[in-house]
PDB file of all heavy atoms in Angstrom:
ATOM      1  N   GLN A   1      24.241 -19.190  25.223  1.00  0.00           N
ATOM      2  CA  GLN A   1      23.789 -17.826  25.469  1.00  0.00           C
ATOM      3  C   GLN A   1      23.318 -17.221  24.156  1.00  0.00           C
ATOM      4  O   GLN A   1      23.872 -17.315  23.165  1.00  0.00           O
ATOM      5  CB  GLN A   1      24.932 -16.970  26.109  1.00  0.00           C
ATOM      6  CG  GLN A   1      25.472 -17.580  27.393  1.00  0.00           C
ATOM      7  CD  GLN A   1      26.687 -16.816  27.867  1.00  0.00           C
ATOM      8  OE1 GLN A   1      27.575 -16.547  27.029  1.00  0.00           O
ATOM      9  NE2 GLN A   1      26.809 -16.558  29.151  1.00  0.00           N
ATOM     10  N   ARG A   2      22.118 -16.524  24.347  1.00  0.00           N
ATOM     11  CA  ARG A   2      21.471 -15.878  23.126  1.00  0.00           C
ATOM     12  C   ARG A   2      20.979 -14.611  23.491  1.00  0.00           C
ATOM     13  O   ARG A   2      20.682 -14.249  24.626  1.00  0.00           O
ATOM     14  CB  ARG A   2      20.352 -16.767  22.592  1.00  0.00           C
ATOM     15  CG  ARG A   2      20.802 -18.196  22.104  1.00  0.00           C
ATOM     16  CD  ARG A   2      19.673 -19.052  21.843  1.00  0.00           C
ATOM     17  NE  ARG A   2      20.046 -20.380  21.383  1.00  0.00           N
ATOM     18  CZ  ARG A   2      20.249 -20.771  20.066  1.00  0.00           C
ATOM     19  NH1 ARG A   2      20.003 -19.791  19.144  1.00  0.00           N
ATOM     20  NH2 ARG A   2      20.585 -21.914  19.711  1.00  0.00           N
ATOM     21  N   VAL A   3      20.830 -13.765  22.423  1.00  0.00           N
ATOM     22  CA  VAL A   3      20.069 -12.528  22.542  1.00  0.00           C
ATOM     23  C   VAL A   3      18.901 -12.690  21.552  1.00  0.00           C
ATOM     24  O   VAL A   3      18.976 -13.448  20.565  1.00  0.00           O
ATOM     25  CB  VAL A   3      20.862 -11.345  22.205  1.00  0.00           C
ATOM     26  CG1 VAL A   3      21.988 -11.136  23.188  1.00  0.00           C
ATOM     27  CG2 VAL A   3      21.441 -11.365  20.739  1.00  0.00           C
ATOM     28  N   GLN A   4      17.757 -11.965  21.824  1.00  0.00           N
ATOM     29  CA  GLN A   4      16.596 -12.145  21.028  1.00  0.00           C
ATOM     30  C   GLN A   4      16.408 -10.838  20.190  1.00  0.00           C
ATOM     31  O   GLN A   4      16.496  -9.743  20.679  1.00  0.00           O
ATOM     32  CB  GLN A   4      15.346 -12.288  21.883  1.00  0.00           C
ATOM     33  CG  GLN A   4      15.366 -13.572  22.702  1.00  0.00           C
ATOM     34  CD  GLN A   4      15.183 -14.807  21.838  1.00  0.00           C
ATOM     35  OE1 GLN A   4      14.626 -14.755  20.688  1.00  0.00           O
ATOM     36  NE2 GLN A   4      15.620 -15.973  22.307  1.00  0.00           N
ATOM     37  N   ILE A   5      16.228 -11.134  18.850  1.00  0.00           N
ATOM     38  CA  ILE A   5      16.060 -10.027  17.888  1.00  0.00           C
ATOM     39  C   ILE A   5      14.713 -10.083  17.270  1.00  0.00           C
ATOM     40  O   ILE A   5      14.278 -11.161  16.871  1.00  0.00           O
ATOM     41  CB  ILE A   5      17.191 -10.043  16.845  1.00  0.00           C
ATOM     42  CG1 ILE A   5      18.574 -10.162  17.436  1.00  0.00           C
ATOM     43  CG2 ILE A   5      17.027  -8.893  15.846  1.00  0.00           C
ATOM     44  CD1 ILE A   5      18.971  -8.971  18.209  1.00  0.00           C
ATOM     45  N   LEU A   6      14.047  -8.899  17.045  1.00  0.00           N
ATOM     46  CA  LEU A   6      12.854  -8.870  16.254  1.00  0.00           C
ATOM     47  C   LEU A   6      13.166  -8.329  14.945  1.00  0.00           C
ATOM     48  O   LEU A   6      13.731  -7.294  14.766  1.00  0.00           O
ATOM     49  CB  LEU A   6      11.769  -7.996  17.006  1.00  0.00           C
ATOM     50  CG  LEU A   6      10.504  -7.680  16.202  1.00  0.00           C
ATOM     51  CD1 LEU A   6       9.663  -9.000  16.085  1.00  0.00           C
ATOM     52  CD2 LEU A   6       9.685  -6.617  16.834  1.00  0.00           C
ATOM     53  N   ARG A   7      12.743  -9.092  13.872  1.00  0.00           N
ATOM     54  CA  ARG A   7      12.987  -8.716  12.494  1.00  0.00           C
ATOM     55  C   ARG A   7      11.688  -8.303  11.870  1.00  0.00           C
ATOM     56  O   ARG A   7      10.700  -9.159  11.882  1.00  0.00           O
ATOM     57  CB  ARG A   7      13.692  -9.840  11.715  1.00  0.00           C
ATOM     58  CG  ARG A   7      13.772  -9.421  10.162  1.00  0.00           C
ATOM     59  CD  ARG A   7      14.711 -10.297   9.464  1.00  0.00           C
ATOM     60  NE  ARG A   7      14.340 -11.682   9.499  1.00  0.00           N
ATOM     61  CZ  ARG A   7      14.939 -12.652   8.677  1.00  0.00           C
ATOM     62  NH1 ARG A   7      16.031 -12.382   8.031  1.00  0.00           N
ATOM     63  NH2 ARG A   7      14.560 -13.915   8.761  1.00  0.00           N
ATOM     64  N   GLU A   8      11.596  -7.170  11.298  1.00  0.00           N
ATOM     65  CA  GLU A   8      10.339  -6.648  10.731  1.00  0.00           C
ATOM     66  C   GLU A   8      10.590  -6.240   9.269  1.00  0.00           C
ATOM     67  O   GLU A   8      11.528  -5.480   9.069  1.00  0.00           O
ATOM     68  CB  GLU A   8       9.730  -5.461  11.506  1.00  0.00           C
ATOM     69  CG  GLU A   8       9.408  -5.793  12.946  1.00  0.00           C
ATOM     70  CD  GLU A   8       8.964  -4.551  13.670  1.00  0.00           C
ATOM     71  OE1 GLU A   8       9.884  -3.816  14.196  1.00  0.00           O
ATOM     72  OE2 GLU A   8       7.742  -4.175  13.675  1.00  0.00           O
ATOM     73  N   TRP A   9       9.816  -6.678   8.370  1.00  0.00           N
ATOM     74  CA  TRP A   9       9.885  -6.345   7.011  1.00  0.00           C
ATOM     75  C   TRP A   9       8.993  -5.060   6.871  1.00  0.00           C
ATOM     76  O   TRP A   9       7.859  -5.183   7.024  1.00  0.00           O
ATOM     77  CB  TRP A   9       9.503  -7.419   6.037  1.00  0.00           C
ATOM     78  CG  TRP A   9      10.505  -8.558   5.891  1.00  0.00           C
ATOM     79  CD1 TRP A   9      11.451  -8.551   4.983  1.00  0.00           C
ATOM     80  CD2 TRP A   9      10.510  -9.719   6.713  1.00  0.00           C
ATOM     81  NE1 TRP A   9      12.219  -9.777   5.167  1.00  0.00           N
ATOM     82  CE2 TRP A   9      11.636 -10.441   6.127  1.00  0.00           C
ATOM     83  CE3 TRP A   9       9.782 -10.226   7.751  1.00  0.00           C
ATOM     84  CZ2 TRP A   9      12.003 -11.731   6.794  1.00  0.00           C
ATOM     85  CZ3 TRP A   9      10.130 -11.414   8.300  1.00  0.00           C
ATOM     86  CH2 TRP A   9      11.300 -12.198   7.793  1.00  0.00           C
ATOM     87  N   VAL A  10       9.679  -3.995   6.514  1.00  0.00           N
ATOM     88  CA  VAL A  10       8.911  -2.686   6.364  1.00  0.00           C
ATOM     89  C   VAL A  10       8.700  -2.484   4.842  1.00  0.00           C
ATOM     90  O   VAL A  10       9.649  -2.319   4.114  1.00  0.00           O
ATOM     91  CB  VAL A  10       9.809  -1.530   6.948  1.00  0.00           C
ATOM     92  CG1 VAL A  10       9.023  -0.283   6.885  1.00  0.00           C
ATOM     93  CG2 VAL A  10      10.194  -1.905   8.408  1.00  0.00           C
ATOM     94  N   VAL A  11       7.518  -2.557   4.503  1.00  0.00           N
ATOM     95  CA  VAL A  11       7.154  -2.427   3.100  1.00  0.00           C
ATOM     96  C   VAL A  11       6.455  -1.077   2.943  1.00  0.00           C
ATOM     97  O   VAL A  11       5.569  -0.639   3.701  1.00  0.00           O
ATOM     98  CB  VAL A  11       6.086  -3.582   2.723  1.00  0.00           C
ATOM     99  CG1 VAL A  11       5.773  -3.412   1.229  1.00  0.00           C
ATOM    100  CG2 VAL A  11       6.686  -4.928   2.993  1.00  0.00           C
ATOM    101  N   SER A  12       6.888  -0.424   1.853  1.00  0.00           N
ATOM    102  CA  SER A  12       6.301   0.916   1.596  1.00  0.00           C
ATOM    103  C   SER A  12       4.787   0.851   1.301  1.00  0.00           C
ATOM    104  O   SER A  12       4.334  -0.125   0.755  1.00  0.00           O
ATOM    105  CB  SER A  12       7.004   1.609   0.503  1.00  0.00           C
ATOM    106  OG  SER A  12       6.928   0.862  -0.663  1.00  0.00           O
ATOM    107  N   GLN A  13       4.043   1.869   1.721  1.00  0.00           N
ATOM    108  CA  GLN A  13       2.628   1.853   1.469  1.00  0.00           C
ATOM    109  C   GLN A  13       2.375   1.929  -0.078  1.00  0.00           C
ATOM    110  O   GLN A  13       2.964   2.696  -0.796  1.00  0.00           O
ATOM    111  CB  GLN A  13       1.924   3.018   2.185  1.00  0.00           C
ATOM    112  CG  GLN A  13       0.396   2.972   2.077  1.00  0.00           C
ATOM    113  CD  GLN A  13      -0.145   4.050   2.877  1.00  0.00           C
ATOM    114  OE1 GLN A  13       0.487   4.890   3.520  1.00  0.00           O
ATOM    115  NE2 GLN A  13      -1.499   4.116   2.860  1.00  0.00           N
ATOM    116  N   LYS A  14       1.461   1.117  -0.458  1.00  0.00           N
ATOM    117  CA  LYS A  14       1.043   1.036  -1.874  1.00  0.00           C
ATOM    118  C   LYS A  14       0.485   2.352  -2.368  1.00  0.00           C
ATOM    119  O   LYS A  14      -0.168   3.042  -1.535  1.00  0.00           O
ATOM    120  CB  LYS A  14       0.177  -0.119  -2.205  1.00  0.00           C
ATOM    121  CG  LYS A  14       0.669  -1.501  -1.816  1.00  0.00           C
ATOM    122  CD  LYS A  14      -0.332  -2.551  -1.906  1.00  0.00           C
ATOM    123  CE  LYS A  14      -1.370  -2.406  -0.878  1.00  0.00           C
ATOM    124  NZ  LYS A  14      -2.398  -3.595  -0.810  1.00  0.00           N
ATOM    125  N   LYS A  15       0.650   2.699  -3.587  1.00  0.00           N
ATOM    126  CA  LYS A  15       0.138   3.898  -4.147  1.00  0.00           C
ATOM    127  C   LYS A  15      -0.487   3.675  -5.503  1.00  0.00           C
ATOM    128  O   LYS A  15       0.049   2.840  -6.280  1.00  0.00           O
ATOM    129  CB  LYS A  15       1.240   4.902  -4.267  1.00  0.00           C
ATOM    130  CG  LYS A  15       0.902   6.320  -4.872  1.00  0.00           C
ATOM    131  CD  LYS A  15       2.148   7.075  -5.255  1.00  0.00           C
ATOM    132  CE  LYS A  15       3.167   7.137  -4.069  1.00  0.00           C
ATOM    133  NZ  LYS A  15       4.363   7.869  -4.491  1.00  0.00           N
ATOM    134  N   ILE A  16      -1.569   4.269  -5.821  1.00  0.00           N
ATOM    135  CA  ILE A  16      -2.178   4.151  -7.113  1.00  0.00           C
ATOM    136  C   ILE A  16      -2.402   5.508  -7.732  1.00  0.00           C
ATOM    137  O   ILE A  16      -2.908   6.477  -7.051  1.00  0.00           O
ATOM    138  CB  ILE A  16      -3.536   3.353  -7.067  1.00  0.00           C
ATOM    139  CG1 ILE A  16      -4.007   3.172  -8.490  1.00  0.00           C
ATOM    140  CG2 ILE A  16      -4.542   3.992  -6.247  1.00  0.00           C
ATOM    141  CD1 ILE A  16      -5.192   2.083  -8.566  1.00  0.00           C
ATOM    142  N   ILE A  17      -1.922   5.784  -8.912  1.00  0.00           N
ATOM    143  CA  ILE A  17      -2.156   7.024  -9.726  1.00  0.00           C
ATOM    144  C   ILE A  17      -3.113   6.702 -10.760  1.00  0.00           C
ATOM    145  O   ILE A  17      -2.891   5.869 -11.667  1.00  0.00           O
ATOM    146  CB  ILE A  17      -0.862   7.604 -10.213  1.00  0.00           C
ATOM    147  CG1 ILE A  17       0.131   7.920  -9.048  1.00  0.00           C
ATOM    148  CG2 ILE A  17      -1.072   8.853 -11.018  1.00  0.00           C
ATOM    149  CD1 ILE A  17       1.528   8.304  -9.514  1.00  0.00           C
ATOM    150  N   ILE A  18      -4.249   7.443 -10.723  1.00  0.00           N
ATOM    151  CA  ILE A  18      -5.344   7.236 -11.736  1.00  0.00           C
ATOM    152  C   ILE A  18      -5.339   8.376 -12.666  1.00  0.00           C
ATOM    153  O   ILE A  18      -5.638   9.527 -12.178  1.00  0.00           O
ATOM    154  CB  ILE A  18      -6.684   7.057 -10.989  1.00  0.00           C
ATOM    155  CG1 ILE A  18      -6.618   5.970  -9.937  1.00  0.00           C
ATOM    156  CG2 ILE A  18      -7.764   6.753 -12.018  1.00  0.00           C
ATOM    157  CD1 ILE A  18      -7.870   5.902  -9.082  1.00  0.00           C
ATOM    158  N   PHE A  19      -5.029   8.179 -13.920  1.00  0.00           N
ATOM    159  CA  PHE A  19      -5.137   9.197 -14.962  1.00  0.00           C
ATOM    160  C   PHE A  19      -6.566   9.204 -15.431  1.00  0.00           C
ATOM    161  O   PHE A  19      -6.954   8.201 -16.203  1.00  0.00           O
ATOM    162  CB  PHE A  19      -4.092   8.981 -16.065  1.00  0.00           C
ATOM    163  CG  PHE A  19      -2.688   9.219 -15.631  1.00  0.00           C
ATOM    164  CD1 PHE A  19      -1.852   8.204 -15.247  1.00  0.00           C
ATOM    165  CD2 PHE A  19      -2.189  10.543 -15.641  1.00  0.00           C
ATOM    166  CE1 PHE A  19      -0.480   8.400 -14.831  1.00  0.00           C
ATOM    167  CE2 PHE A  19      -0.909  10.761 -15.271  1.00  0.00           C
ATOM    168  CZ  PHE A  19      -0.080   9.756 -14.834  1.00  0.00           C
ATOM    169  N   GLY A  20      -7.376  10.244 -15.183  1.00  0.00           N
ATOM    170  CA  GLY A  20      -8.704  10.241 -15.571  1.00  0.00           C
ATOM    171  C   GLY A  20      -9.590  10.113 -14.372  1.00  0.00           C
ATOM    172  O   GLY A  20      -9.418   9.266 -13.520  1.00  0.00           O
ATOM    173  N   GLY A  21     -10.590  10.945 -14.224  1.00  0.00           N
ATOM    174  CA  GLY A  21     -11.458  10.981 -13.097  1.00  0.00           C
ATOM    175  C   GLY A  21     -12.818  10.681 -13.370  1.00  0.00           C
ATOM    176  O   GLY A  21     -13.794  11.099 -12.651  1.00  0.00           O
ATOM    177  N   GLY A  22     -13.143   9.835 -14.403  1.00  0.00           N
ATOM    178  CA  GLY A  22     -14.440   9.518 -14.868  1.00  0.00           C
ATOM    179  C   GLY A  22     -15.241   8.456 -13.997  1.00  0.00           C
ATOM    180  O   GLY A  22     -14.847   8.308 -12.855  1.00  0.00           O
ATOM    181  N   HIS A  23     -16.128   7.865 -14.750  1.00  0.00           N
ATOM    182  CA  HIS A  23     -17.111   7.005 -13.935  1.00  0.00           C
ATOM    183  C   HIS A  23     -16.435   5.755 -13.426  1.00  0.00           C
ATOM    184  O   HIS A  23     -16.788   5.189 -12.386  1.00  0.00           O
ATOM    185  CB  HIS A  23     -18.234   6.538 -14.908  1.00  0.00           C
ATOM    186  CG  HIS A  23     -17.850   5.861 -16.122  1.00  0.00           C
ATOM    187  ND1 HIS A  23     -17.117   6.613 -17.142  1.00  0.00           N
ATOM    188  CD2 HIS A  23     -17.984   4.606 -16.569  1.00  0.00           C
ATOM    189  CE1 HIS A  23     -16.858   5.624 -18.081  1.00  0.00           C
ATOM    190  NE2 HIS A  23     -17.473   4.486 -17.782  1.00  0.00           N
ATOM    191  N   ILE A  24     -15.334   5.198 -14.057  1.00  0.00           N
ATOM    192  CA  ILE A  24     -14.645   4.021 -13.520  1.00  0.00           C
ATOM    193  C   ILE A  24     -13.758   4.388 -12.324  1.00  0.00           C
ATOM    194  O   ILE A  24     -13.580   3.664 -11.383  1.00  0.00           O
ATOM    195  CB  ILE A  24     -13.782   3.437 -14.598  1.00  0.00           C
ATOM    196  CG1 ILE A  24     -14.696   2.769 -15.716  1.00  0.00           C
ATOM    197  CG2 ILE A  24     -12.824   2.267 -14.058  1.00  0.00           C
ATOM    198  CD1 ILE A  24     -13.968   2.273 -16.908  1.00  0.00           C
ATOM    199  N   SER A  25     -13.252   5.621 -12.406  1.00  0.00           N
ATOM    200  CA  SER A  25     -12.281   6.101 -11.363  1.00  0.00           C
ATOM    201  C   SER A  25     -12.876   6.253  -9.975  1.00  0.00           C
ATOM    202  O   SER A  25     -12.197   6.007  -8.998  1.00  0.00           O
ATOM    203  CB  SER A  25     -11.635   7.453 -11.766  1.00  0.00           C
ATOM    204  OG  SER A  25     -11.029   7.319 -12.937  1.00  0.00           O
ATOM    205  N   LEU A  26     -14.121   6.586  -9.899  1.00  0.00           N
ATOM    206  CA  LEU A  26     -14.785   6.640  -8.595  1.00  0.00           C
ATOM    207  C   LEU A  26     -14.777   5.392  -7.824  1.00  0.00           C
ATOM    208  O   LEU A  26     -14.238   5.359  -6.699  1.00  0.00           O
ATOM    209  CB  LEU A  26     -16.247   7.214  -8.752  1.00  0.00           C
ATOM    210  CG  LEU A  26     -16.396   8.774  -8.894  1.00  0.00           C
ATOM    211  CD1 LEU A  26     -17.857   9.037  -9.192  1.00  0.00           C
ATOM    212  CD2 LEU A  26     -15.915   9.484  -7.647  1.00  0.00           C
ATOM    213  N   PRO A  27     -15.320   4.320  -8.349  1.00  0.00           N
ATOM    214  CA  PRO A  27     -15.315   3.036  -7.531  1.00  0.00           C
ATOM    215  C   PRO A  27     -13.806   2.522  -7.400  1.00  0.00           C
ATOM    216  O   PRO A  27     -13.537   1.875  -6.414  1.00  0.00           O
ATOM    217  CB  PRO A  27     -16.125   2.020  -8.401  1.00  0.00           C
ATOM    218  CG  PRO A  27     -16.202   2.611  -9.671  1.00  0.00           C
ATOM    219  CD  PRO A  27     -16.115   4.095  -9.515  1.00  0.00           C
ATOM    220  N   LEU A  28     -13.028   2.792  -8.412  1.00  0.00           N
ATOM    221  CA  LEU A  28     -11.629   2.322  -8.371  1.00  0.00           C
ATOM    222  C   LEU A  28     -10.868   3.002  -7.206  1.00  0.00           C
ATOM    223  O   LEU A  28     -10.144   2.291  -6.498  1.00  0.00           O
ATOM    224  CB  LEU A  28     -10.932   2.662  -9.727  1.00  0.00           C
ATOM    225  CG  LEU A  28      -9.478   2.258  -9.840  1.00  0.00           C
ATOM    226  CD1 LEU A  28      -9.248   0.808  -9.700  1.00  0.00           C
ATOM    227  CD2 LEU A  28      -8.882   2.828 -11.112  1.00  0.00           C
ATOM    228  N   ALA A  29     -11.132   4.246  -7.005  1.00  0.00           N
ATOM    229  CA  ALA A  29     -10.416   4.984  -5.866  1.00  0.00           C
ATOM    230  C   ALA A  29     -10.967   4.500  -4.521  1.00  0.00           C
ATOM    231  O   ALA A  29     -10.169   4.201  -3.619  1.00  0.00           O
ATOM    232  CB  ALA A  29     -10.595   6.520  -6.066  1.00  0.00           C
ATOM    233  N   GLU A  30     -12.347   4.244  -4.440  1.00  0.00           N
ATOM    234  CA  GLU A  30     -12.814   3.801  -3.182  1.00  0.00           C
ATOM    235  C   GLU A  30     -12.315   2.358  -2.838  1.00  0.00           C
ATOM    236  O   GLU A  30     -11.961   2.075  -1.681  1.00  0.00           O
ATOM    237  CB  GLU A  30     -14.433   3.720  -3.297  1.00  0.00           C
ATOM    238  CG  GLU A  30     -14.961   5.120  -3.410  1.00  0.00           C
ATOM    239  CD  GLU A  30     -16.515   5.143  -3.655  1.00  0.00           C
ATOM    240  OE1 GLU A  30     -17.085   4.015  -3.556  1.00  0.00           O
ATOM    241  OE2 GLU A  30     -17.090   6.185  -3.820  1.00  0.00           O
ATOM    242  N   MET A  31     -12.280   1.456  -3.779  1.00  0.00           N
ATOM    243  CA  MET A  31     -11.811   0.134  -3.617  1.00  0.00           C
ATOM    244  C   MET A  31     -10.350   0.164  -3.253  1.00  0.00           C
ATOM    245  O   MET A  31      -9.871  -0.590  -2.340  1.00  0.00           O
ATOM    246  CB  MET A  31     -12.018  -0.789  -4.792  1.00  0.00           C
ATOM    247  CG  MET A  31     -13.515  -1.013  -5.072  1.00  0.00           C
ATOM    248  SD  MET A  31     -13.639  -2.074  -6.545  1.00  0.00           S
ATOM    249  CE  MET A  31     -15.413  -1.961  -6.828  1.00  0.00           C
TER     250      MET A  31
END
């Protein structure tokens, strides 16, 4: 006899903090 369990790995959403809003930061944020 068995029961069925669903196991899910919950990973926190990735975050990026960009110090500086210049010319590199624009494509960096979009990507």
